[in-house]
Amino acid sequence: MSQDPTPPADDKNAGMCESCAGIQQNWRKAKGHPELMQGTNRSVTHKHGQVTHTRYRCERCGTLWEYENNKVNRHAGWSVVGRPD
């Protein structure tokens, strides 16, 4: 019997296109990719000031992202907020 040489899919990247899977999450200066279409943004008040949260949707795979532009927290940045059904 032959074994499949391909590694199992990483659950956190399941359903994402290659470009989305390559985005470094939770790092403020990480880059997105060209197929992310900007949606709404909102301002959130923190003890150190205003922080902007902007929603994006990938046109290729439909993954929903949010980018937190928080200059005080270097672990802000990109996070997945939804997946296509």
PDB file of N, CA and C in Angstrom:
ATOM      1  N   MET A   1       0.843  -1.181   0.000  1.00  0.00           N
ATOM      2  CA  MET A   1       0.000   0.000   0.000  1.00  0.00           C
ATOM      3  C   MET A   1       0.886   1.241   0.000  1.00  0.00           C
ATOM      4  N   SER A   2       0.555   2.183  -0.802  1.00  0.00           N
ATOM      5  CA  SER A   2       1.325   3.424  -0.946  1.00  0.00           C
ATOM      6  C   SER A   2       0.769   4.487  -0.013  1.00  0.00           C
ATOM      7  N   GLN A   3       1.659   5.251   0.612  1.00  0.00           N
ATOM      8  CA  GLN A   3       1.225   6.334   1.484  1.00  0.00           C
ATOM      9  C   GLN A   3       1.264   7.642   0.710  1.00  0.00           C
ATOM     10  N   ASP A   4       0.333   8.540   1.029  1.00  0.00           N
ATOM     11  CA  ASP A   4       0.269   9.846   0.377  1.00  0.00           C
ATOM     12  C   ASP A   4       1.385  10.725   0.926  1.00  0.00           C
ATOM     13  N   PRO A   5       2.300  11.211   0.047  1.00  0.00           N
ATOM     14  CA  PRO A   5       3.425  12.021   0.522  1.00  0.00           C
ATOM     15  C   PRO A   5       3.067  13.457   0.882  1.00  0.00           C
ATOM     16  N   THR A   6       1.855  13.901   0.548  1.00  0.00           N
ATOM     17  CA  THR A   6       1.489  15.290   0.849  1.00  0.00           C
ATOM     18  C   THR A   6       1.106  15.412   2.308  1.00  0.00           C
ATOM     19  N   PRO A   7       1.595  16.451   2.981  1.00  0.00           N
ATOM     20  CA  PRO A   7       1.247  16.629   4.399  1.00  0.00           C
ATOM     21  C   PRO A   7      -0.219  17.000   4.545  1.00  0.00           C
ATOM     22  N   PRO A   8      -0.828  16.712   5.693  1.00  0.00           N
ATOM     23  CA  PRO A   8      -2.227  17.089   5.897  1.00  0.00           C
ATOM     24  C   PRO A   8      -2.377  18.607   5.887  1.00  0.00           C
ATOM     25  N   ALA A   9      -3.528  19.068   5.440  1.00  0.00           N
ATOM     26  CA  ALA A   9      -3.789  20.514   5.379  1.00  0.00           C
ATOM     27  C   ALA A   9      -3.824  21.092   6.788  1.00  0.00           C
ATOM     28  N   ASP A  10      -3.269  22.286   6.943  1.00  0.00           N
ATOM     29  CA  ASP A  10      -3.285  22.971   8.226  1.00  0.00           C
ATOM     30  C   ASP A  10      -4.693  23.540   8.430  1.00  0.00           C
ATOM     31  N   ASP A  11      -5.368  23.157   9.514  1.00  0.00           N
ATOM     32  CA  ASP A  11      -6.750  23.561   9.740  1.00  0.00           C
ATOM     33  C   ASP A  11      -6.932  25.071   9.774  1.00  0.00           C
ATOM     34  N   LYS A  12      -5.962  25.801  10.305  1.00  0.00           N
ATOM     35  CA  LYS A  12      -6.133  27.261  10.391  1.00  0.00           C
ATOM     36  C   LYS A  12      -6.103  27.913   9.018  1.00  0.00           C
ATOM     37  N   ASN A  13      -5.555  27.249   8.011  1.00  0.00           N
ATOM     38  CA  ASN A  13      -5.513  27.799   6.658  1.00  0.00           C
ATOM     39  C   ASN A  13      -6.488  27.107   5.716  1.00  0.00           C
ATOM     40  N   ALA A  14      -7.321  26.216   6.222  1.00  0.00           N
ATOM     41  CA  ALA A  14      -8.271  25.481   5.396  1.00  0.00           C
ATOM     42  C   ALA A  14      -9.215  26.447   4.693  1.00  0.00           C
ATOM     43  N   GLY A  15      -9.365  26.283   3.401  1.00  0.00           N
ATOM     44  CA  GLY A  15     -10.271  27.118   2.623  1.00  0.00           C
ATOM     45  C   GLY A  15      -9.667  28.426   2.151  1.00  0.00           C
ATOM     46  N   MET A  16      -8.435  28.725   2.559  1.00  0.00           N
ATOM     47  CA  MET A  16      -7.778  29.967   2.127  1.00  0.00           C
ATOM     48  C   MET A  16      -7.005  29.738   0.843  1.00  0.00           C
ATOM     49  N   CYS A  17      -6.919  30.779   0.039  1.00  0.00           N
ATOM     50  CA  CYS A  17      -6.048  30.725  -1.127  1.00  0.00           C
ATOM     51  C   CYS A  17      -4.595  30.825  -0.650  1.00  0.00           C
ATOM     52  N   GLU A  18      -3.670  30.546  -1.529  1.00  0.00           N
ATOM     53  CA  GLU A  18      -2.252  30.573  -1.176  1.00  0.00           C
ATOM     54  C   GLU A  18      -1.816  31.952  -0.679  1.00  0.00           C
ATOM     55  N   SER A  19      -2.347  33.010  -1.286  1.00  0.00           N
ATOM     56  CA  SER A  19      -1.974  34.370  -0.884  1.00  0.00           C
ATOM     57  C   SER A  19      -2.434  34.680   0.538  1.00  0.00           C
ATOM     58  N   CYS A  20      -3.664  34.292   0.884  1.00  0.00           N
ATOM     59  CA  CYS A  20      -4.165  34.531   2.241  1.00  0.00           C
ATOM     60  C   CYS A  20      -3.398  33.697   3.256  1.00  0.00           C
ATOM     61  N   ALA A  21      -3.112  32.445   2.911  1.00  0.00           N
ATOM     62  CA  ALA A  21      -2.384  31.573   3.827  1.00  0.00           C
ATOM     63  C   ALA A  21      -0.992  32.128   4.119  1.00  0.00           C
ATOM     64  N   GLY A  22      -0.455  32.947   3.219  1.00  0.00           N
ATOM     65  CA  GLY A  22       0.876  33.512   3.398  1.00  0.00           C
ATOM     66  C   GLY A  22       0.923  34.799   4.209  1.00  0.00           C
ATOM     67  N   ILE A  23      -0.231  35.347   4.582  1.00  0.00           N
ATOM     68  CA  ILE A  23      -0.251  36.584   5.370  1.00  0.00           C
ATOM     69  C   ILE A  23       0.186  36.288   6.797  1.00  0.00           C
ATOM     70  N   GLN A  24       1.133  37.055   7.288  1.00  0.00           N
ATOM     71  CA  GLN A  24       1.584  36.898   8.671  1.00  0.00           C
ATOM     72  C   GLN A  24       0.562  37.569   9.579  1.00  0.00           C
ATOM     73  N   GLN A  25      -0.101  36.774  10.392  1.00  0.00           N
ATOM     74  CA  GLN A  25      -1.136  37.300  11.276  1.00  0.00           C
ATOM     75  C   GLN A  25      -0.548  37.830  12.568  1.00  0.00           C
ATOM     76  N   ASN A  26      -1.260  38.768  13.163  1.00  0.00           N
ATOM     77  CA  ASN A  26      -0.900  39.345  14.463  1.00  0.00           C
ATOM     78  C   ASN A  26       0.481  39.982  14.470  1.00  0.00           C
ATOM     79  N   TRP A  27       0.789  40.664  13.404  1.00  0.00           N
ATOM     80  CA  TRP A  27       2.041  41.419  13.325  1.00  0.00           C
ATOM     81  C   TRP A  27       1.739  42.694  12.550  1.00  0.00           C
ATOM     82  N   ARG A  28       1.841  43.848  13.197  1.00  0.00           N
ATOM     83  CA  ARG A  28       1.316  45.106  12.686  1.00  0.00           C
ATOM     84  C   ARG A  28       1.816  45.509  11.312  1.00  0.00           C
ATOM     85  N   LYS A  29       3.075  45.295  10.984  1.00  0.00           N
ATOM     86  CA  LYS A  29       3.578  45.786   9.692  1.00  0.00           C
ATOM     87  C   LYS A  29       3.569  44.730   8.591  1.00  0.00           C
ATOM     88  N   ALA A  30       2.904  43.601   8.825  1.00  0.00           N
ATOM     89  CA  ALA A  30       2.820  42.553   7.802  1.00  0.00           C
ATOM     90  C   ALA A  30       1.991  43.048   6.618  1.00  0.00           C
ATOM     91  N   LYS A  31       2.334  42.574   5.447  1.00  0.00           N
ATOM     92  CA  LYS A  31       1.633  42.979   4.228  1.00  0.00           C
ATOM     93  C   LYS A  31       0.460  42.048   3.952  1.00  0.00           C
ATOM     94  N   GLY A  32      -0.538  42.583   3.297  1.00  0.00           N
ATOM     95  CA  GLY A  32      -1.672  41.786   2.834  1.00  0.00           C
ATOM     96  C   GLY A  32      -1.340  41.253   1.448  1.00  0.00           C
ATOM     97  N   HIS A  33      -2.314  41.269   0.539  1.00  0.00           N
ATOM     98  CA  HIS A  33      -2.057  40.922  -0.861  1.00  0.00           C
ATOM     99  C   HIS A  33      -3.038  41.677  -1.746  1.00  0.00           C
ATOM    100  N   PRO A  34      -2.758  41.780  -3.052  1.00  0.00           N
ATOM    101  CA  PRO A  34      -3.550  42.649  -3.942  1.00  0.00           C
ATOM    102  C   PRO A  34      -5.024  42.280  -4.082  1.00  0.00           C
ATOM    103  N   GLU A  35      -5.411  41.058  -3.806  1.00  0.00           N
ATOM    104  CA  GLU A  35      -6.809  40.662  -3.983  1.00  0.00           C
ATOM    105  C   GLU A  35      -7.673  40.926  -2.748  1.00  0.00           C
ATOM    106  N   LEU A  36      -7.121  41.567  -1.734  1.00  0.00           N
ATOM    107  CA  LEU A  36      -7.915  41.955  -0.567  1.00  0.00           C
ATOM    108  C   LEU A  36      -8.609  43.271  -0.871  1.00  0.00           C
ATOM    109  N   MET A  37      -9.931  43.241  -0.851  1.00  0.00           N
ATOM    110  CA  MET A  37     -10.720  44.435  -1.132  1.00  0.00           C
ATOM    111  C   MET A  37     -11.163  45.070   0.180  1.00  0.00           C
ATOM    112  N   GLN A  38     -10.848  46.358   0.314  1.00  0.00           N
ATOM    113  CA  GLN A  38     -11.146  47.067   1.553  1.00  0.00           C
ATOM    114  C   GLN A  38     -12.636  47.265   1.722  1.00  0.00           C
ATOM    115  N   GLY A  39     -13.076  47.057   2.955  1.00  0.00           N
ATOM    116  CA  GLY A  39     -14.480  47.267   3.296  1.00  0.00           C
ATOM    117  C   GLY A  39     -14.611  48.427   4.263  1.00  0.00           C
ATOM    118  N   THR A  40     -15.332  48.210   5.327  1.00  0.00           N
ATOM    119  CA  THR A  40     -15.598  49.267   6.304  1.00  0.00           C
ATOM    120  C   THR A  40     -14.441  49.412   7.283  1.00  0.00           C
ATOM    121  N   ASN A  41     -14.407  50.566   7.922  1.00  0.00           N
ATOM    122  CA  ASN A  41     -13.440  50.750   9.007  1.00  0.00           C
ATOM    123  C   ASN A  41     -14.152  51.407  10.179  1.00  0.00           C
ATOM    124  N   ARG A  42     -13.558  51.225  11.339  1.00  0.00           N
ATOM    125  CA  ARG A  42     -14.131  51.807  12.554  1.00  0.00           C
ATOM    126  C   ARG A  42     -12.997  52.209  13.471  1.00  0.00           C
ATOM    127  N   SER A  43     -13.250  53.179  14.306  1.00  0.00           N
ATOM    128  CA  SER A  43     -12.273  53.614  15.297  1.00  0.00           C
ATOM    129  C   SER A  43     -12.664  53.071  16.659  1.00  0.00           C
ATOM    130  N   VAL A  44     -11.669  52.582  17.371  1.00  0.00           N
ATOM    131  CA  VAL A  44     -11.883  52.039  18.709  1.00  0.00           C
ATOM    132  C   VAL A  44     -10.996  52.835  19.658  1.00  0.00           C
ATOM    133  N   THR A  45     -11.558  53.254  20.775  1.00  0.00           N
ATOM    134  CA  THR A  45     -10.800  54.029  21.750  1.00  0.00           C
ATOM    135  C   THR A  45     -10.110  53.090  22.733  1.00  0.00           C
ATOM    136  N   HIS A  46      -8.799  53.218  22.821  1.00  0.00           N
ATOM    137  CA  HIS A  46      -7.994  52.486  23.805  1.00  0.00           C
ATOM    138  C   HIS A  46      -7.448  53.504  24.798  1.00  0.00           C
ATOM    139  N   LYS A  47      -6.850  53.034  25.866  1.00  0.00           N
ATOM    140  CA  LYS A  47      -6.323  53.962  26.867  1.00  0.00           C
ATOM    141  C   LYS A  47      -5.208  54.841  26.307  1.00  0.00           C
ATOM    142  N   HIS A  48      -4.537  54.409  25.248  1.00  0.00           N
ATOM    143  CA  HIS A  48      -3.457  55.189  24.649  1.00  0.00           C
ATOM    144  C   HIS A  48      -3.918  56.006  23.440  1.00  0.00           C
ATOM    145  N   GLY A  49      -5.193  55.927  23.066  1.00  0.00           N
ATOM    146  CA  GLY A  49      -5.714  56.719  21.952  1.00  0.00           C
ATOM    147  C   GLY A  49      -6.593  55.905  21.016  1.00  0.00           C
ATOM    148  N   GLN A  50      -6.869  56.487  19.850  1.00  0.00           N
ATOM    149  CA  GLN A  50      -7.726  55.856  18.850  1.00  0.00           C
ATOM    150  C   GLN A  50      -6.959  54.800  18.050  1.00  0.00           C
ATOM    151  N   VAL A  51      -7.623  53.687  17.750  1.00  0.00           N
ATOM    152  CA  VAL A  51      -7.074  52.618  16.932  1.00  0.00           C
ATOM    153  C   VAL A  51      -8.067  52.347  15.818  1.00  0.00           C
ATOM    154  N   THR A  52      -7.582  52.192  14.586  1.00  0.00           N
ATOM    155  CA  THR A  52      -8.453  51.932  13.448  1.00  0.00           C
ATOM    156  C   THR A  52      -8.468  50.441  13.121  1.00  0.00           C
ATOM    157  N   HIS A  53      -9.674  49.898  12.942  1.00  0.00           N
ATOM    158  CA  HIS A  53      -9.875  48.517  12.508  1.00  0.00           C
ATOM    159  C   HIS A  53     -10.509  48.589  11.120  1.00  0.00           C
ATOM    160  N   THR A  54      -9.905  47.950  10.138  1.00  0.00           N
ATOM    161  CA  THR A  54     -10.416  47.961   8.770  1.00  0.00           C
ATOM    162  C   THR A  54     -10.692  46.536   8.323  1.00  0.00           C
ATOM    163  N   ARG A  55     -11.875  46.311   7.743  1.00  0.00           N
ATOM    164  CA  ARG A  55     -12.273  44.998   7.232  1.00  0.00           C
ATOM    165  C   ARG A  55     -11.844  44.856   5.769  1.00  0.00           C
ATOM    166  N   TYR A  56     -11.468  43.642   5.403  1.00  0.00           N
ATOM    167  CA  TYR A  56     -11.094  43.300   4.029  1.00  0.00           C
ATOM    168  C   TYR A  56     -11.726  41.957   3.683  1.00  0.00           C
ATOM    169  N   ARG A  57     -11.947  41.739   2.381  1.00  0.00           N
ATOM    170  CA  ARG A  57     -12.444  40.455   1.885  1.00  0.00           C
ATOM    171  C   ARG A  57     -11.580  40.046   0.703  1.00  0.00           C
ATOM    172  N   CYS A  58     -11.137  38.792   0.710  1.00  0.00           N
ATOM    173  CA  CYS A  58     -10.322  38.292  -0.395  1.00  0.00           C
ATOM    174  C   CYS A  58     -11.246  37.968  -1.566  1.00  0.00           C
ATOM    175  N   GLU A  59     -10.939  38.525  -2.717  1.00  0.00           N
ATOM    176  CA  GLU A  59     -11.752  38.291  -3.908  1.00  0.00           C
ATOM    177  C   GLU A  59     -11.583  36.882  -4.445  1.00  0.00           C
ATOM    178  N   ARG A  60     -10.489  36.229  -4.127  1.00  0.00           N
ATOM    179  CA  ARG A  60     -10.244  34.881  -4.655  1.00  0.00           C
ATOM    180  C   ARG A  60     -10.922  33.804  -3.811  1.00  0.00           C
ATOM    181  N   CYS A  61     -10.694  33.813  -2.479  1.00  0.00           N
ATOM    182  CA  CYS A  61     -11.210  32.719  -1.644  1.00  0.00           C
ATOM    183  C   CYS A  61     -12.332  33.144  -0.700  1.00  0.00           C
ATOM    184  N   GLY A  62     -12.585  34.447  -0.561  1.00  0.00           N
ATOM    185  CA  GLY A  62     -13.684  34.919   0.275  1.00  0.00           C
ATOM    186  C   GLY A  62     -13.371  35.074   1.751  1.00  0.00           C
ATOM    187  N   THR A  63     -12.122  34.825   2.163  1.00  0.00           N
ATOM    188  CA  THR A  63     -11.758  34.968   3.574  1.00  0.00           C
ATOM    189  C   THR A  63     -11.937  36.419   4.008  1.00  0.00           C
ATOM    190  N   LEU A  64     -12.520  36.606   5.187  1.00  0.00           N
ATOM    191  CA  LEU A  64     -12.726  37.944   5.744  1.00  0.00           C
ATOM    192  C   LEU A  64     -11.606  38.244   6.737  1.00  0.00           C
ATOM    193  N   TRP A  65     -10.992  39.388   6.560  1.00  0.00           N
ATOM    194  CA  TRP A  65      -9.854  39.815   7.380  1.00  0.00           C
ATOM    195  C   TRP A  65     -10.184  41.128   8.070  1.00  0.00           C
ATOM    196  N   GLU A  66      -9.480  41.381   9.174  1.00  0.00           N
ATOM    197  CA  GLU A  66      -9.521  42.680   9.819  1.00  0.00           C
ATOM    198  C   GLU A  66      -8.088  43.086  10.113  1.00  0.00           C
ATOM    199  N   TYR A  67      -7.770  44.332   9.812  1.00  0.00           N
ATOM    200  CA  TYR A  67      -6.439  44.864  10.106  1.00  0.00           C
ATOM    201  C   TYR A  67      -6.570  45.902  11.205  1.00  0.00           C
ATOM    202  N   GLU A  68      -5.874  45.687  12.306  1.00  0.00           N
ATOM    203  CA  GLU A  68      -5.862  46.634  13.425  1.00  0.00           C
ATOM    204  C   GLU A  68      -4.596  47.462  13.332  1.00  0.00           C
ATOM    205  N   ASN A  69      -4.747  48.750  13.120  1.00  0.00           N
ATOM    206  CA  ASN A  69      -3.608  49.654  13.003  1.00  0.00           C
ATOM    207  C   ASN A  69      -3.366  50.307  14.361  1.00  0.00           C
ATOM    208  N   ASN A  70      -2.665  49.572  15.208  1.00  0.00           N
ATOM    209  CA  ASN A  70      -2.392  50.016  16.567  1.00  0.00           C
ATOM    210  C   ASN A  70      -0.880  50.183  16.712  1.00  0.00           C
ATOM    211  N   LYS A  71      -0.422  51.404  16.699  1.00  0.00           N
ATOM    212  CA  LYS A  71       1.014  51.679  16.721  1.00  0.00           C
ATOM    213  C   LYS A  71       1.691  51.294  18.040  1.00  0.00           C
ATOM    214  N   VAL A  72       0.910  51.084  19.089  1.00  0.00           N
ATOM    215  CA  VAL A  72       1.465  50.731  20.394  1.00  0.00           C
ATOM    216  C   VAL A  72       1.637  49.209  20.530  1.00  0.00           C
ATOM    217  N   ASN A  73       0.797  48.447  19.873  1.00  0.00           N
ATOM    218  CA  ASN A  73       0.812  46.986  19.990  1.00  0.00           C
ATOM    219  C   ASN A  73       1.365  46.372  18.711  1.00  0.00           C
ATOM    220  N   ARG A  74       2.581  45.871  18.754  1.00  0.00           N
ATOM    221  CA  ARG A  74       3.167  45.302  17.537  1.00  0.00           C
ATOM    222  C   ARG A  74       2.527  43.967  17.169  1.00  0.00           C
ATOM    223  N   HIS A  75       1.721  43.384  18.067  1.00  0.00           N
ATOM    224  CA  HIS A  75       1.026  42.141  17.767  1.00  0.00           C
ATOM    225  C   HIS A  75      -0.407  42.396  17.313  1.00  0.00           C
ATOM    226  N   ALA A  76      -0.700  43.609  16.905  1.00  0.00           N
ATOM    227  CA  ALA A  76      -1.991  43.904  16.290  1.00  0.00           C
ATOM    228  C   ALA A  76      -1.865  43.415  14.841  1.00  0.00           C
ATOM    229  N   GLY A  77      -2.409  44.082  13.886  1.00  0.00           N
ATOM    230  CA  GLY A  77      -2.231  43.685  12.488  1.00  0.00           C
ATOM    231  C   GLY A  77      -3.378  42.841  11.967  1.00  0.00           C
ATOM    232  N   TRP A  78      -3.056  41.847  11.111  1.00  0.00           N
ATOM    233  CA  TRP A  78      -4.042  41.038  10.408  1.00  0.00           C
ATOM    234  C   TRP A  78      -4.605  39.925  11.296  1.00  0.00           C
ATOM    235  N   SER A  79      -5.910  39.721  11.190  1.00  0.00           N
ATOM    236  CA  SER A  79      -6.543  38.561  11.825  1.00  0.00           C
ATOM    237  C   SER A  79      -7.751  38.139  10.984  1.00  0.00           C
ATOM    238  N   VAL A  80      -7.982  36.842  10.926  1.00  0.00           N
ATOM    239  CA  VAL A  80      -9.120  36.293  10.183  1.00  0.00           C
ATOM    240  C   VAL A  80     -10.367  36.468  11.051  1.00  0.00           C
ATOM    241  N   VAL A  81     -11.419  37.017  10.456  1.00  0.00           N
ATOM    242  CA  VAL A  81     -12.680  37.202  11.193  1.00  0.00           C
ATOM    243  C   VAL A  81     -13.827  36.395  10.610  1.00  0.00           C
ATOM    244  N   GLY A  82     -13.596  35.737   9.482  1.00  0.00           N
ATOM    245  CA  GLY A  82     -14.644  34.925   8.883  1.00  0.00           C
ATOM    246  C   GLY A  82     -14.131  34.129   7.704  1.00  0.00           C
ATOM    247  N   ARG A  83     -14.804  33.053   7.428  1.00  0.00           N
ATOM    248  CA  ARG A  83     -14.470  32.180   6.309  1.00  0.00           C
ATOM    249  C   ARG A  83     -15.702  31.984   5.448  1.00  0.00           C
ATOM    250  N   PRO A  84     -15.526  31.742   4.158  1.00  0.00           N
ATOM    251  CA  PRO A  84     -16.692  31.469   3.320  1.00  0.00           C
ATOM    252  C   PRO A  84     -17.308  30.118   3.685  1.00  0.00           C
ATOM    253  N   ASP A  85     -18.594  29.981   3.480  1.00  0.00           N
ATOM    254  CA  ASP A  85     -19.276  28.714   3.807  1.00  0.00           C
ATOM    255  C   ASP A  85     -19.074  27.693   2.729  1.00  0.00           C
TER     256      ASP A  85
END
